[in-house]
Structure formats: C-alpha cells, structure tokens
Amino acid sequence: MLKALTTIISLAAGLLAAREVYMLLPSWEGETWPWVALDAGFLFLAFVMIAGLAYYLLGDMVRWLLSRNNRPPKA
C-alpha cells in the first residue's frame, strides 16, 4: 500500500509540473506540427523527470523513516 501511495503522489507531482510547463508555452494555434511535437515532448519530459524524482525521493524518505523506527533502543 505504501508503494501505491508513493506512486500516486509522484504521478500527481509530475502532472502538476507538466501543467506548469504547459502554462509557460505559447499557444499552439497557427503552429506547425514539428513545433507542437517539440512542445509535447517537453511536457512529457517534465512529467517523467518530476514523477521519477518524486518517486525516488519519497521512497528513500519512507525507507529512512521506517528504518529509524525499527532501530533497537539505546542502552
């Protein structure tokens, strides 16, 4: 369940990042297809990079928190 939650949060972060990149792009009206494809490639790249980064950061943070709780008490 923790893995699914990490995946959902990272995908949401990637979607928000791609949405913000989309807001920065100019309108596609009147553009040629190569420019539209290039812009779509940037949106996909932003989504993948942020989703992957969030996935690994959240996974490491969860692993660190769980290992911290499983340590034996100090004598």
N, C-alpha and C. Protein backbone atom coordinates (compact mmCIF):
# COMPACT_ATOMS: atom_id res chain seq x y z
N MET A 1 0.82 -1.19 0.00
CA MET A 1 0.00 0.00 0.00
C MET A 1 0.87 1.25 0.00
N LEU A 2 1.99 1.19 0.69
CA LEU A 2 2.89 2.33 0.74
C LEU A 2 3.49 2.61 -0.63
N LYS A 3 3.79 1.57 -1.38
CA LYS A 3 4.34 1.71 -2.73
C LYS A 3 3.31 2.36 -3.66
N ALA A 4 2.05 1.97 -3.53
CA ALA A 4 1.00 2.56 -4.35
C ALA A 4 0.80 4.03 -4.02
N LEU A 5 0.86 4.38 -2.75
CA LEU A 5 0.72 5.77 -2.34
C LEU A 5 1.89 6.61 -2.86
N THR A 6 3.09 6.06 -2.79
CA THR A 6 4.25 6.75 -3.33
C THR A 6 4.11 6.98 -4.83
N THR A 7 3.62 5.98 -5.54
CA THR A 7 3.43 6.09 -6.98
C THR A 7 2.38 7.15 -7.31
N ILE A 8 1.28 7.16 -6.59
CA ILE A 8 0.21 8.12 -6.86
C ILE A 8 0.69 9.55 -6.58
N ILE A 9 1.40 9.75 -5.49
CA ILE A 9 1.90 11.08 -5.17
C ILE A 9 2.92 11.55 -6.20
N SER A 10 3.79 10.66 -6.64
CA SER A 10 4.80 11.06 -7.63
C SER A 10 4.16 11.36 -8.99
N LEU A 11 3.15 10.61 -9.38
CA LEU A 11 2.46 10.90 -10.64
C LEU A 11 1.72 12.22 -10.56
N ALA A 12 1.13 12.53 -9.42
CA ALA A 12 0.46 13.81 -9.25
C ALA A 12 1.45 14.97 -9.32
N ALA A 13 2.62 14.79 -8.73
CA ALA A 13 3.65 15.83 -8.81
C ALA A 13 4.11 16.03 -10.24
N GLY A 14 4.28 14.95 -10.99
CA GLY A 14 4.66 15.05 -12.39
C GLY A 14 3.60 15.74 -13.22
N LEU A 15 2.34 15.45 -12.93
CA LEU A 15 1.24 16.08 -13.65
C LEU A 15 1.19 17.58 -13.36
N LEU A 16 1.40 17.97 -12.12
CA LEU A 16 1.42 19.39 -11.78
C LEU A 16 2.60 20.11 -12.46
N ALA A 17 3.74 19.46 -12.52
CA ALA A 17 4.90 20.07 -13.19
C ALA A 17 4.64 20.23 -14.68
N ALA A 18 4.06 19.21 -15.31
CA ALA A 18 3.76 19.31 -16.74
C ALA A 18 2.72 20.39 -16.99
N ARG A 19 1.78 20.54 -16.09
CA ARG A 19 0.77 21.59 -16.23
C ARG A 19 1.39 22.98 -16.15
N GLU A 20 2.35 23.15 -15.26
CA GLU A 20 3.02 24.45 -15.14
C GLU A 20 3.88 24.74 -16.37
N VAL A 21 4.53 23.72 -16.91
CA VAL A 21 5.30 23.91 -18.14
C VAL A 21 4.36 24.27 -19.29
N TYR A 22 3.18 23.65 -19.34
CA TYR A 22 2.20 23.95 -20.38
C TYR A 22 1.76 25.40 -20.31
N MET A 23 1.62 25.94 -19.09
CA MET A 23 1.22 27.34 -18.93
C MET A 23 2.29 28.29 -19.47
N LEU A 24 3.55 27.87 -19.45
CA LEU A 24 4.63 28.71 -19.95
C LEU A 24 4.73 28.71 -21.48
N LEU A 25 4.19 27.68 -22.12
CA LEU A 25 4.31 27.56 -23.57
C LEU A 25 3.34 28.50 -24.27
N PRO A 26 3.73 29.00 -25.44
CA PRO A 26 2.79 29.83 -26.20
C PRO A 26 1.66 28.99 -26.79
N SER A 27 0.66 29.65 -27.29
CA SER A 27 -0.49 28.95 -27.87
C SER A 27 -0.06 28.13 -29.08
N TRP A 28 -0.70 26.97 -29.25
CA TRP A 28 -0.37 26.11 -30.39
C TRP A 28 -1.14 26.49 -31.65
N GLU A 29 -2.00 27.47 -31.56
CA GLU A 29 -2.79 27.87 -32.72
C GLU A 29 -1.88 28.52 -33.76
N GLY A 30 -1.93 27.99 -34.96
CA GLY A 30 -1.11 28.52 -36.04
C GLY A 30 0.31 27.97 -36.07
N GLU A 31 0.64 27.08 -35.17
CA GLU A 31 1.98 26.49 -35.14
C GLU A 31 2.05 25.31 -36.10
N THR A 32 3.24 25.02 -36.58
CA THR A 32 3.43 23.85 -37.43
C THR A 32 3.59 22.62 -36.54
N TRP A 33 3.37 21.45 -37.11
CA TRP A 33 3.41 20.20 -36.35
C TRP A 33 4.74 19.92 -35.68
N PRO A 34 5.87 20.23 -36.31
CA PRO A 34 7.13 19.96 -35.60
C PRO A 34 7.25 20.75 -34.29
N TRP A 35 6.77 21.97 -34.26
CA TRP A 35 6.84 22.76 -33.02
C TRP A 35 5.87 22.24 -31.98
N VAL A 36 4.71 21.80 -32.42
CA VAL A 36 3.75 21.21 -31.48
C VAL A 36 4.31 19.92 -30.89
N ALA A 37 4.94 19.11 -31.73
CA ALA A 37 5.54 17.86 -31.25
C ALA A 37 6.70 18.15 -30.29
N LEU A 38 7.47 19.17 -30.57
CA LEU A 38 8.57 19.54 -29.67
C LEU A 38 8.03 20.00 -28.31
N ASP A 39 6.97 20.79 -28.34
CA ASP A 39 6.36 21.23 -27.09
C ASP A 39 5.76 20.06 -26.32
N ALA A 40 5.13 19.14 -27.03
CA ALA A 40 4.58 17.95 -26.37
C ALA A 40 5.70 17.09 -25.77
N GLY A 41 6.82 17.04 -26.45
CA GLY A 41 7.98 16.32 -25.92
C GLY A 41 8.50 16.95 -24.64
N PHE A 42 8.52 18.28 -24.59
CA PHE A 42 8.94 18.96 -23.36
C PHE A 42 7.96 18.69 -22.22
N LEU A 43 6.67 18.66 -22.53
CA LEU A 43 5.68 18.36 -21.49
C LEU A 43 5.88 16.95 -20.95
N PHE A 44 6.10 16.00 -21.84
CA PHE A 44 6.32 14.62 -21.42
C PHE A 44 7.61 14.50 -20.61
N LEU A 45 8.65 15.20 -21.05
CA LEU A 45 9.92 15.16 -20.33
C LEU A 45 9.77 15.74 -18.93
N ALA A 46 9.05 16.84 -18.80
CA ALA A 46 8.83 17.44 -17.48
C ALA A 46 8.05 16.48 -16.58
N PHE A 47 7.04 15.83 -17.14
CA PHE A 47 6.25 14.87 -16.38
C PHE A 47 7.11 13.72 -15.88
N VAL A 48 7.89 13.13 -16.77
CA VAL A 48 8.70 11.96 -16.42
C VAL A 48 9.79 12.32 -15.41
N MET A 49 10.44 13.46 -15.62
CA MET A 49 11.53 13.83 -14.72
C MET A 49 11.03 14.12 -13.31
N ILE A 50 9.96 14.88 -13.18
CA ILE A 50 9.45 15.23 -11.85
C ILE A 50 8.82 14.01 -11.19
N ALA A 51 8.08 13.20 -11.94
CA ALA A 51 7.48 12.00 -11.36
C ALA A 51 8.56 11.03 -10.88
N GLY A 52 9.60 10.83 -11.67
CA GLY A 52 10.68 9.94 -11.26
C GLY A 52 11.43 10.46 -10.05
N LEU A 53 11.72 11.74 -10.05
CA LEU A 53 12.43 12.33 -8.91
C LEU A 53 11.59 12.24 -7.64
N ALA A 54 10.31 12.55 -7.74
CA ALA A 54 9.44 12.47 -6.57
C ALA A 54 9.31 11.02 -6.09
N TYR A 55 9.23 10.08 -7.01
CA TYR A 55 9.11 8.66 -6.64
C TYR A 55 10.32 8.20 -5.83
N TYR A 56 11.52 8.51 -6.32
CA TYR A 56 12.71 8.07 -5.62
C TYR A 56 12.93 8.82 -4.31
N LEU A 57 12.62 10.12 -4.28
CA LEU A 57 12.77 10.86 -3.04
C LEU A 57 11.78 10.39 -1.98
N LEU A 58 10.54 10.17 -2.38
CA LEU A 58 9.55 9.66 -1.42
C LEU A 58 9.91 8.26 -0.95
N GLY A 59 10.38 7.42 -1.86
CA GLY A 59 10.77 6.06 -1.48
C GLY A 59 11.92 6.05 -0.49
N ASP A 60 12.92 6.90 -0.73
CA ASP A 60 14.05 6.99 0.20
C ASP A 60 13.61 7.53 1.55
N MET A 61 12.72 8.53 1.53
CA MET A 61 12.26 9.11 2.79
C MET A 61 11.46 8.09 3.60
N VAL A 62 10.62 7.33 2.94
CA VAL A 62 9.83 6.31 3.64
C VAL A 62 10.75 5.22 4.19
N ARG A 63 11.72 4.78 3.39
CA ARG A 63 12.67 3.76 3.86
C ARG A 63 13.46 4.27 5.06
N TRP A 64 13.87 5.55 5.03
CA TRP A 64 14.63 6.13 6.13
C TRP A 64 13.77 6.22 7.40
N LEU A 65 12.52 6.64 7.24
CA LEU A 65 11.63 6.74 8.40
C LEU A 65 11.33 5.37 9.00
N LEU A 66 11.12 4.37 8.16
CA LEU A 66 10.83 3.04 8.67
C LEU A 66 12.06 2.41 9.33
N SER A 67 13.23 2.63 8.77
CA SER A 67 14.43 2.06 9.39
C SER A 67 14.75 2.77 10.70
N ARG A 68 14.39 4.01 10.80
CA ARG A 68 14.64 4.76 12.04
C ARG A 68 13.76 4.23 13.18
N ASN A 69 12.53 3.84 12.86
CA ASN A 69 11.62 3.30 13.87
C ASN A 69 11.97 1.87 14.28
N ASN A 70 12.67 1.14 13.44
CA ASN A 70 12.98 -0.26 13.72
C ASN A 70 14.30 -0.44 14.46
N ARG A 71 15.00 0.64 14.77
CA ARG A 71 16.26 0.52 15.49
C ARG A 71 16.02 0.12 16.93
N PRO A 72 16.92 -0.67 17.49
CA PRO A 72 16.76 -1.04 18.91
C PRO A 72 16.99 0.20 19.79
N PRO A 73 16.37 0.25 20.95
CA PRO A 73 16.57 1.41 21.83
C PRO A 73 17.99 1.45 22.38
N LYS A 74 18.45 2.67 22.63
CA LYS A 74 19.81 2.83 23.18
C LYS A 74 19.84 2.41 24.64
N ALA A 75 20.95 1.79 25.02
CA ALA A 75 21.08 1.29 26.39
C ALA A 75 21.48 2.38 27.35
